[in-house]
Amino acid sequence: MPPMLRPLSASLIVAAVVCSAFLPRPGLAGSAAEIDRDSTQALATLESQSSEAKALAARAKGILVFPKIIKGGLIIGAQAGEGALRVNGKTAGYYNTVAVSYGLQAGVQWFGYAMYFMNDPALKYLDKSDGWEIGTGPSIVVIDKGAAGGFTTTSAKDDIYVFFFEQEGLMAGLGLQGTKITKIKPD
């Protein structure tokens, strides 16, 4: 192997080992009660801190909450987590989210996100296929602190709004590119 490729090969091996630690394993999935508890708490915290999220909740057809996503990587990254879909304040299903990324990245991070489905077609799209790859369906708008300043629910015209919350750890960048969401059946 040429000497200049050795550091890259070593980085890829380390990244593969780090990423494999974050991939979901059916035997390690949280119970339905744990996912419900964590999703309820995360949603309550988010909506107490964001008037925009609270206003959207009143109009949303459903809210998919992933209370804790773990993301890690070194050049190649992965993230995974489990959550619950809330319809009319009750759990209507359980989901996992998995993503793999490639690029200039290093570190480990924890965060959560909530997806507010604003119409029935967007909500139905979630279960149309065996897993939903974000970017191939309804329009999604990520609401960050900058966008929230000019946001009102009367101007809300998109299918899905996403709020990230409780970001911890050392890793730059949050996004939903390459994310797949799949229905699960926890214990």
N, C-alpha and C. Protein backbone atom coordinates (compact mmCIF):
# COMPACT_ATOMS: atom_id res chain seq x y z
N MET A 1 0.84 -1.17 0.00
CA MET A 1 0.00 0.00 0.00
C MET A 1 0.89 1.24 0.00
N PRO A 2 0.57 2.22 -0.86
CA PRO A 2 1.38 3.44 -0.88
C PRO A 2 1.33 4.15 0.47
N PRO A 3 2.44 4.72 0.91
CA PRO A 3 2.51 5.37 2.23
C PRO A 3 1.45 6.45 2.44
N MET A 4 1.11 7.19 1.40
CA MET A 4 0.14 8.28 1.61
C MET A 4 -1.29 7.77 1.79
N LEU A 5 -1.58 6.52 1.47
CA LEU A 5 -2.91 5.96 1.67
C LEU A 5 -3.08 5.32 3.05
N ARG A 6 -2.00 5.09 3.75
CA ARG A 6 -2.07 4.44 5.07
C ARG A 6 -2.90 5.25 6.08
N PRO A 7 -2.68 6.58 6.20
CA PRO A 7 -3.51 7.33 7.16
C PRO A 7 -5.00 7.28 6.80
N LEU A 8 -5.32 7.34 5.51
CA LEU A 8 -6.71 7.28 5.09
C LEU A 8 -7.30 5.91 5.43
N SER A 9 -6.58 4.86 5.17
CA SER A 9 -7.05 3.50 5.49
C SER A 9 -7.27 3.35 6.98
N ALA A 10 -6.35 3.85 7.77
CA ALA A 10 -6.50 3.77 9.23
C ALA A 10 -7.73 4.56 9.68
N SER A 11 -7.94 5.74 9.10
CA SER A 11 -9.11 6.56 9.44
C SER A 11 -10.40 5.83 9.10
N LEU A 12 -10.44 5.18 7.96
CA LEU A 12 -11.65 4.47 7.56
C LEU A 12 -11.93 3.29 8.48
N ILE A 13 -10.90 2.59 8.91
CA ILE A 13 -11.08 1.48 9.82
C ILE A 13 -11.60 1.97 11.16
N VAL A 14 -11.01 3.04 11.70
CA VAL A 14 -11.47 3.61 12.96
C VAL A 14 -12.91 4.09 12.82
N ALA A 15 -13.23 4.76 11.72
CA ALA A 15 -14.59 5.25 11.51
C ALA A 15 -15.59 4.11 11.45
N ALA A 16 -15.24 3.02 10.78
CA ALA A 16 -16.14 1.87 10.69
C ALA A 16 -16.41 1.28 12.06
N VAL A 17 -15.39 1.18 12.88
CA VAL A 17 -15.57 0.64 14.23
C VAL A 17 -16.44 1.57 15.06
N VAL A 18 -16.17 2.88 15.00
CA VAL A 18 -16.96 3.86 15.75
C VAL A 18 -18.41 3.83 15.30
N CYS A 19 -18.63 3.83 13.98
CA CYS A 19 -19.99 3.86 13.44
C CYS A 19 -20.76 2.60 13.79
N SER A 20 -20.11 1.46 13.79
CA SER A 20 -20.82 0.22 14.08
C SER A 20 -21.38 0.22 15.50
N ALA A 21 -20.76 0.97 16.38
CA ALA A 21 -21.27 1.05 17.75
C ALA A 21 -22.61 1.76 17.83
N PHE A 22 -22.93 2.57 16.80
CA PHE A 22 -24.16 3.37 16.83
C PHE A 22 -25.27 2.79 15.99
N LEU A 23 -25.01 1.74 15.23
CA LEU A 23 -26.07 1.17 14.41
C LEU A 23 -27.06 0.42 15.28
N PRO A 24 -28.36 0.50 14.93
CA PRO A 24 -29.36 -0.14 15.78
C PRO A 24 -29.24 -1.66 15.73
N ARG A 25 -29.51 -2.25 16.88
CA ARG A 25 -29.51 -3.71 16.98
C ARG A 25 -30.85 -4.10 17.58
N PRO A 26 -31.61 -4.97 16.92
CA PRO A 26 -32.94 -5.32 17.42
C PRO A 26 -32.96 -5.75 18.87
N GLY A 27 -31.97 -6.47 19.34
CA GLY A 27 -31.94 -6.93 20.72
C GLY A 27 -31.73 -5.82 21.73
N LEU A 28 -31.24 -4.67 21.29
CA LEU A 28 -30.96 -3.57 22.21
C LEU A 28 -32.00 -2.46 22.13
N ALA A 29 -33.08 -2.69 21.38
CA ALA A 29 -34.11 -1.66 21.23
C ALA A 29 -34.76 -1.38 22.58
N GLY A 30 -35.17 -0.12 22.77
CA GLY A 30 -35.86 0.24 23.99
C GLY A 30 -37.25 -0.36 24.01
N SER A 31 -37.82 -0.50 25.19
CA SER A 31 -39.18 -1.01 25.29
C SER A 31 -40.15 0.10 24.89
N ALA A 32 -41.38 -0.30 24.58
CA ALA A 32 -42.40 0.68 24.22
C ALA A 32 -42.60 1.68 25.35
N ALA A 33 -42.61 1.21 26.59
CA ALA A 33 -42.79 2.10 27.74
C ALA A 33 -41.65 3.11 27.84
N GLU A 34 -40.42 2.67 27.60
CA GLU A 34 -39.26 3.59 27.65
C GLU A 34 -39.33 4.62 26.54
N ILE A 35 -39.67 4.18 25.34
CA ILE A 35 -39.77 5.12 24.21
C ILE A 35 -40.88 6.12 24.47
N ASP A 36 -42.04 5.65 24.97
CA ASP A 36 -43.15 6.57 25.29
C ASP A 36 -42.74 7.60 26.33
N ARG A 37 -42.12 7.12 27.42
CA ARG A 37 -41.70 8.02 28.50
C ARG A 37 -40.74 9.08 27.98
N ASP A 38 -39.70 8.65 27.25
CA ASP A 38 -38.70 9.59 26.76
C ASP A 38 -39.28 10.55 25.72
N SER A 39 -40.16 10.06 24.86
CA SER A 39 -40.78 10.91 23.84
C SER A 39 -41.69 11.95 24.47
N THR A 40 -42.48 11.54 25.45
CA THR A 40 -43.38 12.46 26.14
C THR A 40 -42.59 13.57 26.83
N GLN A 41 -41.53 13.19 27.52
CA GLN A 41 -40.70 14.17 28.23
C GLN A 41 -40.01 15.12 27.24
N ALA A 42 -39.47 14.58 26.17
CA ALA A 42 -38.77 15.42 25.18
C ALA A 42 -39.72 16.41 24.52
N LEU A 43 -40.91 15.95 24.15
CA LEU A 43 -41.89 16.82 23.51
C LEU A 43 -42.35 17.92 24.45
N ALA A 44 -42.59 17.57 25.70
CA ALA A 44 -43.01 18.58 26.68
C ALA A 44 -41.92 19.63 26.89
N THR A 45 -40.67 19.19 26.96
CA THR A 45 -39.56 20.13 27.13
C THR A 45 -39.43 21.04 25.91
N LEU A 46 -39.47 20.45 24.72
CA LEU A 46 -39.36 21.25 23.49
C LEU A 46 -40.46 22.29 23.42
N GLU A 47 -41.70 21.89 23.66
CA GLU A 47 -42.82 22.81 23.53
C GLU A 47 -42.86 23.85 24.64
N SER A 48 -42.23 23.57 25.78
CA SER A 48 -42.15 24.59 26.83
C SER A 48 -41.08 25.63 26.50
N GLN A 49 -40.11 25.26 25.66
CA GLN A 49 -39.02 26.17 25.29
C GLN A 49 -39.24 26.86 23.95
N SER A 50 -40.19 26.37 23.15
CA SER A 50 -40.40 26.94 21.82
C SER A 50 -41.89 27.19 21.60
N SER A 51 -42.27 28.47 21.54
CA SER A 51 -43.68 28.80 21.28
C SER A 51 -44.09 28.36 19.88
N GLU A 52 -43.13 28.33 18.93
CA GLU A 52 -43.43 27.89 17.57
C GLU A 52 -43.79 26.40 17.56
N ALA A 53 -43.02 25.59 18.29
CA ALA A 53 -43.31 24.16 18.37
C ALA A 53 -44.66 23.92 19.04
N LYS A 54 -44.96 24.66 20.08
CA LYS A 54 -46.23 24.51 20.77
C LYS A 54 -47.40 24.89 19.86
N ALA A 55 -47.25 25.97 19.10
CA ALA A 55 -48.31 26.40 18.18
C ALA A 55 -48.51 25.38 17.06
N LEU A 56 -47.44 24.82 16.54
CA LEU A 56 -47.56 23.80 15.50
C LEU A 56 -48.23 22.54 16.04
N ALA A 57 -47.95 22.18 17.28
CA ALA A 57 -48.53 20.98 17.88
C ALA A 57 -50.05 21.05 17.88
N ALA A 58 -50.60 22.24 18.06
CA ALA A 58 -52.04 22.41 18.08
C ALA A 58 -52.68 22.13 16.73
N ARG A 59 -51.91 22.31 15.64
CA ARG A 59 -52.44 22.13 14.28
C ARG A 59 -51.94 20.87 13.59
N ALA A 60 -50.94 20.22 14.15
CA ALA A 60 -50.33 19.06 13.49
C ALA A 60 -51.26 17.85 13.49
N LYS A 61 -51.19 17.08 12.40
CA LYS A 61 -51.94 15.82 12.30
C LYS A 61 -51.23 14.72 13.08
N GLY A 62 -49.93 14.87 13.25
CA GLY A 62 -49.14 13.91 14.01
C GLY A 62 -47.76 14.49 14.29
N ILE A 63 -47.12 14.01 15.34
CA ILE A 63 -45.78 14.46 15.71
C ILE A 63 -44.92 13.23 15.94
N LEU A 64 -43.84 13.12 15.18
CA LEU A 64 -42.90 12.01 15.35
C LEU A 64 -41.72 12.54 16.15
N VAL A 65 -41.52 11.98 17.34
CA VAL A 65 -40.50 12.48 18.27
C VAL A 65 -39.40 11.44 18.43
N PHE A 66 -38.16 11.86 18.17
CA PHE A 66 -36.99 11.04 18.44
C PHE A 66 -36.24 11.72 19.58
N PRO A 67 -36.43 11.26 20.82
CA PRO A 67 -35.88 11.97 21.97
C PRO A 67 -34.36 11.94 22.09
N LYS A 68 -33.72 10.88 21.59
CA LYS A 68 -32.27 10.82 21.71
C LYS A 68 -31.68 10.10 20.50
N ILE A 69 -30.98 10.87 19.69
CA ILE A 69 -30.26 10.34 18.54
C ILE A 69 -28.79 10.38 18.93
N ILE A 70 -28.07 9.32 18.63
CA ILE A 70 -26.63 9.30 18.87
C ILE A 70 -25.95 9.33 17.52
N LYS A 71 -25.02 10.27 17.37
CA LYS A 71 -24.29 10.44 16.11
C LYS A 71 -22.81 10.40 16.42
N GLY A 72 -22.07 9.67 15.62
CA GLY A 72 -20.63 9.61 15.81
C GLY A 72 -19.93 9.29 14.52
N GLY A 73 -18.68 9.67 14.45
CA GLY A 73 -17.94 9.32 13.26
C GLY A 73 -16.59 9.98 13.17
N LEU A 74 -15.85 9.48 12.21
CA LEU A 74 -14.55 10.02 11.85
C LEU A 74 -14.46 9.83 10.34
N ILE A 75 -14.70 10.87 9.61
CA ILE A 75 -14.84 10.90 8.16
C ILE A 75 -16.16 10.22 7.76
N ILE A 76 -16.35 8.95 8.13
CA ILE A 76 -17.62 8.27 7.91
C ILE A 76 -18.38 8.33 9.23
N GLY A 77 -19.64 8.76 9.17
CA GLY A 77 -20.41 8.89 10.38
C GLY A 77 -21.71 8.12 10.31
N ALA A 78 -22.31 7.88 11.46
CA ALA A 78 -23.60 7.21 11.55
C ALA A 78 -24.38 7.80 12.71
N GLN A 79 -25.69 7.74 12.58
CA GLN A 79 -26.54 8.16 13.68
C GLN A 79 -27.75 7.25 13.73
N ALA A 80 -28.29 7.07 14.94
CA ALA A 80 -29.44 6.19 15.12
C ALA A 80 -30.19 6.58 16.38
N GLY A 81 -31.48 6.25 16.39
CA GLY A 81 -32.31 6.50 17.56
C GLY A 81 -33.70 5.93 17.35
N GLU A 82 -34.50 5.95 18.41
CA GLU A 82 -35.86 5.44 18.37
C GLU A 82 -36.81 6.51 18.87
N GLY A 83 -38.06 6.45 18.35
CA GLY A 83 -39.04 7.44 18.76
C GLY A 83 -40.46 6.95 18.60
N ALA A 84 -41.39 7.84 18.92
CA ALA A 84 -42.81 7.52 18.86
C ALA A 84 -43.55 8.55 18.03
N LEU A 85 -44.56 8.06 17.31
CA LEU A 85 -45.46 8.93 16.56
C LEU A 85 -46.67 9.19 17.43
N ARG A 86 -46.96 10.48 17.65
CA ARG A 86 -48.11 10.88 18.45
C ARG A 86 -49.18 11.42 17.51
N VAL A 87 -50.40 10.87 17.63
CA VAL A 87 -51.55 11.36 16.90
C VAL A 87 -52.66 11.60 17.93
N ASN A 88 -53.17 12.81 17.97
CA ASN A 88 -54.19 13.18 18.97
C ASN A 88 -53.71 12.91 20.39
N GLY A 89 -52.43 13.15 20.65
CA GLY A 89 -51.87 13.01 21.99
C GLY A 89 -51.58 11.58 22.42
N LYS A 90 -51.80 10.60 21.55
CA LYS A 90 -51.56 9.21 21.91
C LYS A 90 -50.55 8.59 20.95
N THR A 91 -49.81 7.59 21.43
CA THR A 91 -48.83 6.92 20.59
C THR A 91 -49.56 6.07 19.54
N ALA A 92 -49.20 6.31 18.26
CA ALA A 92 -49.80 5.59 17.14
C ALA A 92 -48.80 4.64 16.48
N GLY A 93 -47.55 4.66 16.92
CA GLY A 93 -46.55 3.77 16.35
C GLY A 93 -45.16 4.14 16.85
N TYR A 94 -44.24 3.22 16.62
CA TYR A 94 -42.84 3.41 17.03
C TYR A 94 -41.95 3.32 15.80
N TYR A 95 -40.87 4.11 15.81
CA TYR A 95 -40.00 4.21 14.64
C TYR A 95 -38.55 4.28 15.07
N ASN A 96 -37.67 3.89 14.14
CA ASN A 96 -36.26 4.17 14.35
C ASN A 96 -35.78 5.04 13.21
N THR A 97 -34.72 5.74 13.46
CA THR A 97 -34.10 6.59 12.46
C THR A 97 -32.63 6.22 12.39
N VAL A 98 -32.13 6.08 11.16
CA VAL A 98 -30.74 5.70 10.92
C VAL A 98 -30.22 6.56 9.77
N ALA A 99 -29.00 7.01 9.89
CA ALA A 99 -28.37 7.76 8.81
C ALA A 99 -26.88 7.45 8.79
N VAL A 100 -26.32 7.50 7.60
CA VAL A 100 -24.89 7.35 7.41
C VAL A 100 -24.43 8.54 6.59
N SER A 101 -23.29 9.09 6.93
CA SER A 101 -22.78 10.26 6.20
C SER A 101 -21.28 10.11 5.96
N TYR A 102 -20.81 10.88 5.01
CA TYR A 102 -19.40 10.86 4.67
C TYR A 102 -18.96 12.31 4.47
N GLY A 103 -17.82 12.65 4.98
CA GLY A 103 -17.31 14.01 4.81
C GLY A 103 -16.40 14.39 5.95
N LEU A 104 -16.10 15.65 6.02
CA LEU A 104 -15.21 16.17 7.05
C LEU A 104 -15.98 16.23 8.37
N GLN A 105 -15.80 15.20 9.18
CA GLN A 105 -16.50 15.13 10.46
C GLN A 105 -15.71 14.26 11.43
N ALA A 106 -15.83 14.58 12.69
CA ALA A 106 -15.19 13.79 13.74
C ALA A 106 -15.87 14.12 15.05
N GLY A 107 -16.13 13.09 15.84
CA GLY A 107 -16.69 13.32 17.16
C GLY A 107 -17.91 12.47 17.45
N VAL A 108 -18.56 12.79 18.58
CA VAL A 108 -19.77 12.11 19.02
C VAL A 108 -20.74 13.18 19.49
N GLN A 109 -22.02 12.98 19.21
CA GLN A 109 -23.02 13.97 19.56
C GLN A 109 -24.34 13.27 19.90
N TRP A 110 -25.11 13.87 20.82
CA TRP A 110 -26.45 13.43 21.16
C TRP A 110 -27.39 14.58 20.89
N PHE A 111 -28.55 14.26 20.36
CA PHE A 111 -29.57 15.29 20.12
C PHE A 111 -30.90 14.60 19.92
N GLY A 112 -31.96 15.37 19.85
CA GLY A 112 -33.28 14.85 19.54
C GLY A 112 -33.91 15.72 18.48
N TYR A 113 -34.96 15.19 17.86
CA TYR A 113 -35.72 16.04 16.95
C TYR A 113 -37.17 15.59 16.91
N ALA A 114 -38.04 16.54 16.57
CA ALA A 114 -39.47 16.28 16.45
C ALA A 114 -39.91 16.75 15.08
N MET A 115 -40.71 15.91 14.41
CA MET A 115 -41.25 16.22 13.09
C MET A 115 -42.75 16.45 13.23
N TYR A 116 -43.20 17.64 12.86
CA TYR A 116 -44.61 18.00 12.95
C TYR A 116 -45.24 17.81 11.56
N PHE A 117 -46.09 16.80 11.42
CA PHE A 117 -46.77 16.50 10.16
C PHE A 117 -48.03 17.35 10.09
N MET A 118 -48.10 18.25 9.10
CA MET A 118 -49.15 19.25 9.07
C MET A 118 -50.39 18.86 8.26
N ASN A 119 -50.32 17.76 7.52
CA ASN A 119 -51.49 17.34 6.75
C ASN A 119 -51.54 15.82 6.66
N ASP A 120 -52.72 15.31 6.31
CA ASP A 120 -52.91 13.86 6.26
C ASP A 120 -52.03 13.17 5.21
N PRO A 121 -51.89 13.72 3.99
CA PRO A 121 -51.01 13.03 3.02
C PRO A 121 -49.57 12.88 3.51
N ALA A 122 -49.04 13.88 4.18
CA ALA A 122 -47.66 13.79 4.70
C ALA A 122 -47.59 12.71 5.78
N LEU A 123 -48.59 12.64 6.64
CA LEU A 123 -48.60 11.64 7.69
C LEU A 123 -48.74 10.23 7.11
N LYS A 124 -49.59 10.07 6.11
CA LYS A 124 -49.78 8.76 5.48
C LYS A 124 -48.52 8.31 4.74
N TYR A 125 -47.76 9.26 4.23
CA TYR A 125 -46.54 8.93 3.50
C TYR A 125 -45.52 8.22 4.39
N LEU A 126 -45.57 8.50 5.67
CA LEU A 126 -44.65 7.90 6.63
C LEU A 126 -44.70 6.37 6.58
N ASP A 127 -45.90 5.81 6.37
CA ASP A 127 -46.04 4.35 6.38
C ASP A 127 -46.28 3.75 4.99
N LYS A 128 -46.17 4.55 3.95
CA LYS A 128 -46.44 4.06 2.59
C LYS A 128 -45.49 2.96 2.15
N SER A 129 -44.24 3.06 2.50
CA SER A 129 -43.26 2.08 2.03
C SER A 129 -42.56 1.46 3.24
N ASP A 130 -41.68 0.55 2.94
CA ASP A 130 -40.89 -0.09 4.01
C ASP A 130 -39.74 0.83 4.37
N GLY A 131 -40.03 1.87 5.10
CA GLY A 131 -39.02 2.86 5.47
C GLY A 131 -39.09 4.06 4.57
N TRP A 132 -38.97 5.23 5.17
CA TRP A 132 -39.07 6.48 4.44
C TRP A 132 -37.70 7.14 4.44
N GLU A 133 -37.18 7.40 3.26
CA GLU A 133 -35.91 8.11 3.14
C GLU A 133 -36.21 9.59 3.00
N ILE A 134 -35.77 10.37 3.96
CA ILE A 134 -36.05 11.80 3.93
C ILE A 134 -35.40 12.40 2.70
N GLY A 135 -36.16 13.24 2.02
CA GLY A 135 -35.70 13.85 0.78
C GLY A 135 -36.40 13.24 -0.43
N THR A 136 -37.19 12.18 -0.21
CA THR A 136 -37.89 11.54 -1.32
C THR A 136 -39.40 11.63 -1.17
N GLY A 137 -39.89 12.52 -0.35
CA GLY A 137 -41.33 12.60 -0.14
C GLY A 137 -41.80 14.01 0.11
N PRO A 138 -42.63 14.18 1.13
CA PRO A 138 -43.20 15.49 1.44
C PRO A 138 -42.11 16.54 1.73
N SER A 139 -42.49 17.81 1.55
CA SER A 139 -41.53 18.89 1.80
C SER A 139 -41.29 19.04 3.30
N ILE A 140 -40.02 19.25 3.64
CA ILE A 140 -39.61 19.37 5.04
C ILE A 140 -38.91 20.70 5.24
N VAL A 141 -39.25 21.38 6.34
CA VAL A 141 -38.60 22.63 6.70
C VAL A 141 -38.02 22.46 8.10
N VAL A 142 -36.73 22.70 8.25
CA VAL A 142 -36.08 22.65 9.56
C VAL A 142 -36.19 24.04 10.19
N ILE A 143 -36.75 24.10 11.37
CA ILE A 143 -36.90 25.37 12.08
C ILE A 143 -35.77 25.49 13.08
N ASP A 144 -34.88 26.44 12.83
CA ASP A 144 -33.81 26.70 13.79
C ASP A 144 -34.12 28.03 14.47
N LYS A 145 -33.27 28.43 15.38
CA LYS A 145 -33.54 29.66 16.13
C LYS A 145 -33.65 30.87 15.23
N GLY A 146 -32.88 30.91 14.15
CA GLY A 146 -32.95 32.04 13.22
C GLY A 146 -34.26 32.06 12.46
N ALA A 147 -34.70 30.91 11.97
CA ALA A 147 -35.94 30.83 11.20
C ALA A 147 -37.16 31.02 12.09
N ALA A 148 -37.07 30.62 13.34
CA ALA A 148 -38.22 30.70 14.24
C ALA A 148 -38.64 32.14 14.48
N GLY A 149 -37.72 33.09 14.39
CA GLY A 149 -38.05 34.48 14.64
C GLY A 149 -39.10 35.04 13.70
N GLY A 150 -39.11 34.62 12.43
CA GLY A 150 -40.08 35.11 11.46
C GLY A 150 -41.17 34.11 11.16
N PHE A 151 -41.27 33.06 11.95
CA PHE A 151 -42.21 31.98 11.68
C PHE A 151 -43.52 32.21 12.41
N THR A 152 -44.63 32.03 11.72
CA THR A 152 -45.93 32.04 12.36
C THR A 152 -46.72 30.85 11.84
N THR A 153 -47.66 30.36 12.61
CA THR A 153 -48.43 29.20 12.15
C THR A 153 -49.35 29.56 11.00
N THR A 154 -49.71 30.82 10.85
CA THR A 154 -50.54 31.21 9.71
C THR A 154 -49.75 31.20 8.42
N SER A 155 -48.42 31.34 8.52
CA SER A 155 -47.58 31.28 7.31
C SER A 155 -47.08 29.86 7.04
N ALA A 156 -47.44 28.91 7.91
CA ALA A 156 -46.98 27.53 7.78
C ALA A 156 -47.72 26.85 6.64
N LYS A 157 -47.02 26.63 5.53
CA LYS A 157 -47.63 26.03 4.34
C LYS A 157 -46.98 24.72 3.93
N ASP A 158 -45.91 24.32 4.59
CA ASP A 158 -45.20 23.12 4.20
C ASP A 158 -45.80 21.89 4.88
N ASP A 159 -45.38 20.71 4.38
CA ASP A 159 -45.93 19.44 4.87
C ASP A 159 -45.44 19.08 6.26
N ILE A 160 -44.13 19.27 6.50
CA ILE A 160 -43.51 18.82 7.75
C ILE A 160 -42.53 19.87 8.25
N TYR A 161 -42.58 20.14 9.55
CA TYR A 161 -41.62 21.05 10.19
C TYR A 161 -40.83 20.25 11.21
N VAL A 162 -39.52 20.50 11.27
CA VAL A 162 -38.63 19.75 12.15
C VAL A 162 -37.93 20.70 13.11
N PHE A 163 -37.92 20.32 14.38
CA PHE A 163 -37.19 21.06 15.41
C PHE A 163 -36.14 20.13 16.01
N PHE A 164 -34.89 20.59 16.06
CA PHE A 164 -33.83 19.87 16.76
C PHE A 164 -33.77 20.41 18.18
N PHE A 165 -33.40 19.57 19.14
CA PHE A 165 -33.32 20.02 20.53
C PHE A 165 -32.29 19.22 21.30
N GLU A 166 -31.92 19.76 22.47
CA GLU A 166 -31.00 19.13 23.42
C GLU A 166 -29.72 18.59 22.78
N GLN A 167 -29.03 19.45 22.07
CA GLN A 167 -27.79 19.04 21.42
C GLN A 167 -26.65 19.05 22.43
N GLU A 168 -25.93 17.91 22.49
CA GLU A 168 -24.78 17.78 23.38
C GLU A 168 -23.69 17.03 22.65
N GLY A 169 -22.46 17.23 23.08
CA GLY A 169 -21.35 16.49 22.49
C GLY A 169 -20.49 17.39 21.61
N LEU A 170 -19.52 16.77 20.99
CA LEU A 170 -18.57 17.51 20.16
C LEU A 170 -18.58 16.96 18.74
N MET A 171 -19.42 17.55 17.91
CA MET A 171 -19.47 17.20 16.49
C MET A 171 -20.21 18.31 15.79
N ALA A 172 -19.68 18.75 14.68
CA ALA A 172 -20.29 19.86 13.96
C ALA A 172 -21.35 19.34 13.00
N GLY A 173 -22.42 20.10 12.85
CA GLY A 173 -23.41 19.84 11.83
C GLY A 173 -24.53 18.92 12.23
N LEU A 174 -25.76 19.38 11.97
CA LEU A 174 -26.96 18.56 12.15
C LEU A 174 -27.71 18.60 10.84
N GLY A 175 -28.29 17.50 10.46
CA GLY A 175 -29.08 17.49 9.25
C GLY A 175 -29.85 16.20 9.14
N LEU A 176 -30.70 16.14 8.12
CA LEU A 176 -31.51 14.96 7.91
C LEU A 176 -31.20 14.28 6.58
N GLN A 177 -30.15 14.74 5.88
CA GLN A 177 -29.81 14.14 4.61
C GLN A 177 -29.47 12.66 4.81
N GLY A 178 -29.99 11.82 3.95
CA GLY A 178 -29.64 10.41 4.01
C GLY A 178 -30.26 9.66 5.17
N THR A 179 -31.25 10.24 5.82
CA THR A 179 -31.88 9.61 6.97
C THR A 179 -33.02 8.70 6.51
N LYS A 180 -33.09 7.53 7.11
CA LYS A 180 -34.19 6.59 6.83
C LYS A 180 -34.95 6.35 8.12
N ILE A 181 -36.27 6.45 8.02
CA ILE A 181 -37.15 6.25 9.17
C ILE A 181 -37.99 5.01 8.88
N THR A 182 -37.98 4.07 9.83
CA THR A 182 -38.65 2.79 9.64
C THR A 182 -39.50 2.47 10.86
N LYS A 183 -40.68 1.92 10.63
CA LYS A 183 -41.57 1.51 11.72
C LYS A 183 -40.97 0.29 12.41
N ILE A 184 -41.07 0.26 13.75
CA ILE A 184 -40.56 -0.86 14.54
C ILE A 184 -41.63 -1.35 15.50
N LYS A 185 -41.41 -2.50 16.10
CA LYS A 185 -42.31 -3.05 17.10
C LYS A 185 -41.50 -3.38 18.34
N PRO A 186 -41.34 -2.41 19.25
CA PRO A 186 -40.56 -2.68 20.46
C PRO A 186 -41.31 -3.62 21.40
N ASP A 187 -40.57 -4.17 22.36
CA ASP A 187 -41.17 -5.09 23.34
C ASP A 187 -42.13 -4.37 24.22
